[in-house]
Amino acid sequence: MNVVERAQAPTPKFFKVLRNIGIVVATIGGAILTAPVALPAAIVTVGGYLAVAGGVISAISQVTVDDKQLKKDAEGVNDE
């Protein structure tokens, strides 16, 4: 399974929540980095770390695959 297939495969519920948290953390970090006011260097550094950490969390969570759901989809079984 290549990266594109993994990204398009079903994601477990826990990792969907974690992905959304990562997006929020990255957004907060980006907002701190692009703030129009002068901020102390420590806060800007923390903003950079938040942006990177949020991006990594989101990326890893997106490529996590729910094997059970993938097998059900392949067999044509639908829980709904």
N, C-alpha and C. Protein backbone atom coordinates (compact mmCIF):
# COMPACT_ATOMS: atom_id res chain seq x y z
N MET A 1 0.85 -1.17 0.00
CA MET A 1 0.00 0.00 0.00
C MET A 1 0.90 1.23 0.00
N ASN A 2 0.73 2.11 -0.99
CA ASN A 2 1.57 3.30 -1.04
C ASN A 2 0.95 4.43 -0.21
N VAL A 3 1.63 5.56 -0.16
CA VAL A 3 1.22 6.66 0.71
C VAL A 3 -0.13 7.24 0.28
N VAL A 4 -0.35 7.35 -1.01
CA VAL A 4 -1.62 7.91 -1.50
C VAL A 4 -2.78 7.00 -1.10
N GLU A 5 -2.61 5.69 -1.26
CA GLU A 5 -3.67 4.75 -0.87
C GLU A 5 -3.91 4.80 0.64
N ARG A 6 -2.83 4.93 1.42
CA ARG A 6 -2.99 5.02 2.87
C ARG A 6 -3.75 6.28 3.26
N ALA A 7 -3.45 7.39 2.61
CA ALA A 7 -4.12 8.65 2.93
C ALA A 7 -5.60 8.61 2.59
N GLN A 8 -5.96 7.82 1.57
CA GLN A 8 -7.36 7.73 1.15
C GLN A 8 -8.12 6.61 1.85
N ALA A 9 -7.42 5.74 2.57
CA ALA A 9 -8.06 4.63 3.26
C ALA A 9 -8.78 5.13 4.51
N PRO A 10 -9.72 4.34 5.04
CA PRO A 10 -10.44 4.75 6.25
C PRO A 10 -9.49 4.91 7.44
N THR A 11 -9.75 5.95 8.24
CA THR A 11 -8.94 6.26 9.42
C THR A 11 -9.74 5.91 10.67
N PRO A 12 -9.12 5.28 11.68
CA PRO A 12 -9.83 4.99 12.93
C PRO A 12 -10.30 6.28 13.62
N LYS A 13 -11.39 6.16 14.37
CA LYS A 13 -12.00 7.32 15.02
C LYS A 13 -11.02 8.06 15.92
N PHE A 14 -10.23 7.34 16.71
CA PHE A 14 -9.26 7.99 17.60
C PHE A 14 -8.30 8.86 16.82
N PHE A 15 -7.82 8.36 15.69
CA PHE A 15 -6.85 9.12 14.91
C PHE A 15 -7.50 10.27 14.15
N LYS A 16 -8.80 10.20 13.88
CA LYS A 16 -9.50 11.35 13.30
C LYS A 16 -9.53 12.49 14.32
N VAL A 17 -9.82 12.14 15.57
CA VAL A 17 -9.83 13.15 16.63
C VAL A 17 -8.42 13.72 16.82
N LEU A 18 -7.42 12.85 16.85
CA LEU A 18 -6.04 13.28 17.01
C LEU A 18 -5.60 14.16 15.85
N ARG A 19 -6.02 13.83 14.63
CA ARG A 19 -5.70 14.64 13.46
C ARG A 19 -6.27 16.05 13.60
N ASN A 20 -7.51 16.13 14.07
CA ASN A 20 -8.14 17.44 14.25
C ASN A 20 -7.44 18.25 15.33
N ILE A 21 -7.01 17.59 16.40
CA ILE A 21 -6.25 18.28 17.45
C ILE A 21 -4.93 18.79 16.88
N GLY A 22 -4.28 17.99 16.07
CA GLY A 22 -3.03 18.40 15.43
C GLY A 22 -3.23 19.61 14.54
N ILE A 23 -4.33 19.65 13.81
CA ILE A 23 -4.62 20.79 12.95
C ILE A 23 -4.81 22.05 13.79
N VAL A 24 -5.51 21.93 14.91
CA VAL A 24 -5.72 23.08 15.79
C VAL A 24 -4.39 23.56 16.37
N VAL A 25 -3.55 22.64 16.82
CA VAL A 25 -2.25 23.00 17.39
C VAL A 25 -1.39 23.69 16.34
N ALA A 26 -1.39 23.17 15.12
CA ALA A 26 -0.61 23.79 14.04
C ALA A 26 -1.14 25.18 13.71
N THR A 27 -2.44 25.35 13.76
CA THR A 27 -3.04 26.64 13.49
C THR A 27 -2.66 27.66 14.56
N ILE A 28 -2.69 27.22 15.81
CA ILE A 28 -2.28 28.12 16.90
C ILE A 28 -0.82 28.52 16.74
N GLY A 29 0.03 27.55 16.42
CA GLY A 29 1.45 27.86 16.20
C GLY A 29 1.64 28.83 15.05
N GLY A 30 0.91 28.62 13.96
CA GLY A 30 1.00 29.53 12.83
C GLY A 30 0.52 30.92 13.17
N ALA A 31 -0.54 31.02 13.97
CA ALA A 31 -1.04 32.33 14.38
C ALA A 31 -0.02 33.07 15.24
N ILE A 32 0.66 32.33 16.10
CA ILE A 32 1.69 32.96 16.92
C ILE A 32 2.85 33.44 16.05
N LEU A 33 3.25 32.62 15.09
CA LEU A 33 4.37 32.99 14.22
C LEU A 33 4.07 34.19 13.34
N THR A 34 2.82 34.34 12.93
CA THR A 34 2.46 35.43 12.02
C THR A 34 1.78 36.59 12.73
N ALA A 35 1.88 36.64 14.04
CA ALA A 35 1.26 37.73 14.80
C ALA A 35 1.83 39.08 14.34
N PRO A 36 0.96 40.06 14.14
CA PRO A 36 1.42 41.36 13.65
C PRO A 36 2.13 42.22 14.70
N VAL A 37 2.18 41.74 15.91
CA VAL A 37 2.86 42.48 16.98
C VAL A 37 4.16 41.78 17.34
N ALA A 38 5.07 42.53 17.93
CA ALA A 38 6.35 41.95 18.35
C ALA A 38 6.12 41.12 19.60
N LEU A 39 6.51 39.85 19.54
CA LEU A 39 6.38 38.96 20.68
C LEU A 39 7.77 38.57 21.17
N PRO A 40 7.88 38.20 22.44
CA PRO A 40 9.18 37.74 22.93
C PRO A 40 9.67 36.51 22.15
N ALA A 41 10.97 36.38 22.08
CA ALA A 41 11.57 35.29 21.30
C ALA A 41 11.12 33.92 21.79
N ALA A 42 10.93 33.77 23.08
CA ALA A 42 10.52 32.47 23.63
C ALA A 42 9.13 32.08 23.11
N ILE A 43 8.24 33.03 23.02
CA ILE A 43 6.89 32.74 22.54
C ILE A 43 6.92 32.39 21.05
N VAL A 44 7.74 33.09 20.29
CA VAL A 44 7.86 32.78 18.86
C VAL A 44 8.45 31.39 18.68
N THR A 45 9.42 31.03 19.50
CA THR A 45 10.02 29.70 19.43
C THR A 45 8.98 28.63 19.75
N VAL A 46 8.19 28.85 20.77
CA VAL A 46 7.12 27.91 21.13
C VAL A 46 6.12 27.80 19.98
N GLY A 47 5.80 28.92 19.33
CA GLY A 47 4.89 28.90 18.18
C GLY A 47 5.42 28.03 17.06
N GLY A 48 6.73 28.11 16.83
CA GLY A 48 7.35 27.27 15.80
C GLY A 48 7.24 25.79 16.15
N TYR A 49 7.51 25.48 17.40
CA TYR A 49 7.40 24.09 17.84
C TYR A 49 5.97 23.58 17.74
N LEU A 50 5.00 24.43 18.09
CA LEU A 50 3.60 24.03 17.99
C LEU A 50 3.21 23.75 16.53
N ALA A 51 3.67 24.60 15.62
CA ALA A 51 3.34 24.42 14.21
C ALA A 51 3.91 23.10 13.69
N VAL A 52 5.15 22.82 14.03
CA VAL A 52 5.78 21.58 13.57
C VAL A 52 5.11 20.36 14.20
N ALA A 53 4.90 20.41 15.50
CA ALA A 53 4.29 19.27 16.20
C ALA A 53 2.87 19.00 15.68
N GLY A 54 2.09 20.05 15.47
CA GLY A 54 0.74 19.88 14.95
C GLY A 54 0.74 19.28 13.55
N GLY A 55 1.68 19.72 12.72
CA GLY A 55 1.79 19.16 11.38
C GLY A 55 2.15 17.70 11.38
N VAL A 56 3.08 17.32 12.25
CA VAL A 56 3.50 15.92 12.34
C VAL A 56 2.36 15.05 12.87
N ILE A 57 1.69 15.52 13.91
CA ILE A 57 0.57 14.76 14.48
C ILE A 57 -0.51 14.55 13.42
N SER A 58 -0.84 15.60 12.68
CA SER A 58 -1.88 15.50 11.66
C SER A 58 -1.48 14.55 10.54
N ALA A 59 -0.24 14.64 10.09
CA ALA A 59 0.22 13.80 8.99
C ALA A 59 0.24 12.32 9.39
N ILE A 60 0.77 12.03 10.56
CA ILE A 60 0.83 10.64 11.01
C ILE A 60 -0.58 10.08 11.23
N SER A 61 -1.46 10.89 11.79
CA SER A 61 -2.82 10.43 12.04
C SER A 61 -3.57 10.18 10.74
N GLN A 62 -3.30 10.97 9.71
CA GLN A 62 -4.01 10.80 8.44
C GLN A 62 -3.63 9.50 7.73
N VAL A 63 -2.39 9.06 7.86
CA VAL A 63 -1.98 7.85 7.15
C VAL A 63 -2.14 6.58 7.98
N THR A 64 -2.79 6.69 9.14
CA THR A 64 -3.11 5.49 9.92
C THR A 64 -4.36 4.86 9.33
N VAL A 65 -4.31 3.55 9.11
CA VAL A 65 -5.38 2.86 8.40
C VAL A 65 -6.18 1.98 9.35
N ASP A 66 -7.50 2.01 9.21
CA ASP A 66 -8.40 1.13 9.94
C ASP A 66 -8.55 -0.15 9.12
N ASP A 67 -7.76 -1.17 9.48
CA ASP A 67 -7.74 -2.41 8.70
C ASP A 67 -9.10 -3.11 8.69
N LYS A 68 -9.80 -3.07 9.82
CA LYS A 68 -11.11 -3.74 9.88
C LYS A 68 -12.09 -3.11 8.90
N GLN A 69 -12.14 -1.78 8.89
CA GLN A 69 -13.04 -1.09 7.98
C GLN A 69 -12.62 -1.30 6.53
N LEU A 70 -11.32 -1.32 6.29
CA LEU A 70 -10.81 -1.54 4.94
C LEU A 70 -11.22 -2.92 4.43
N LYS A 71 -11.16 -3.94 5.29
CA LYS A 71 -11.57 -5.29 4.89
C LYS A 71 -13.08 -5.35 4.65
N LYS A 72 -13.85 -4.66 5.51
CA LYS A 72 -15.30 -4.64 5.32
C LYS A 72 -15.66 -3.98 4.00
N ASP A 73 -14.97 -2.86 3.69
CA ASP A 73 -15.24 -2.17 2.43
C ASP A 73 -14.87 -3.04 1.23
N ALA A 74 -13.78 -3.80 1.37
CA ALA A 74 -13.35 -4.68 0.28
C ALA A 74 -14.35 -5.82 0.06
N GLU A 75 -14.98 -6.29 1.15
CA GLU A 75 -15.95 -7.37 1.06
C GLU A 75 -17.34 -6.86 0.69
N GLY A 76 -17.53 -5.54 0.73
CA GLY A 76 -18.83 -4.98 0.40
C GLY A 76 -19.79 -4.94 1.56
N VAL A 77 -19.31 -5.13 2.79
CA VAL A 77 -20.14 -5.09 3.98
C VAL A 77 -20.21 -3.66 4.46
N ASN A 78 -21.42 -3.21 4.82
CA ASN A 78 -21.59 -1.85 5.30
C ASN A 78 -22.35 -1.89 6.62
N ASP A 79 -21.83 -1.21 7.64
CA ASP A 79 -22.47 -1.22 8.96
C ASP A 79 -23.67 -0.29 9.04
N GLU A 80 -23.86 0.58 8.10
CA GLU A 80 -24.94 1.57 8.20
C GLU A 80 -26.26 1.00 7.87
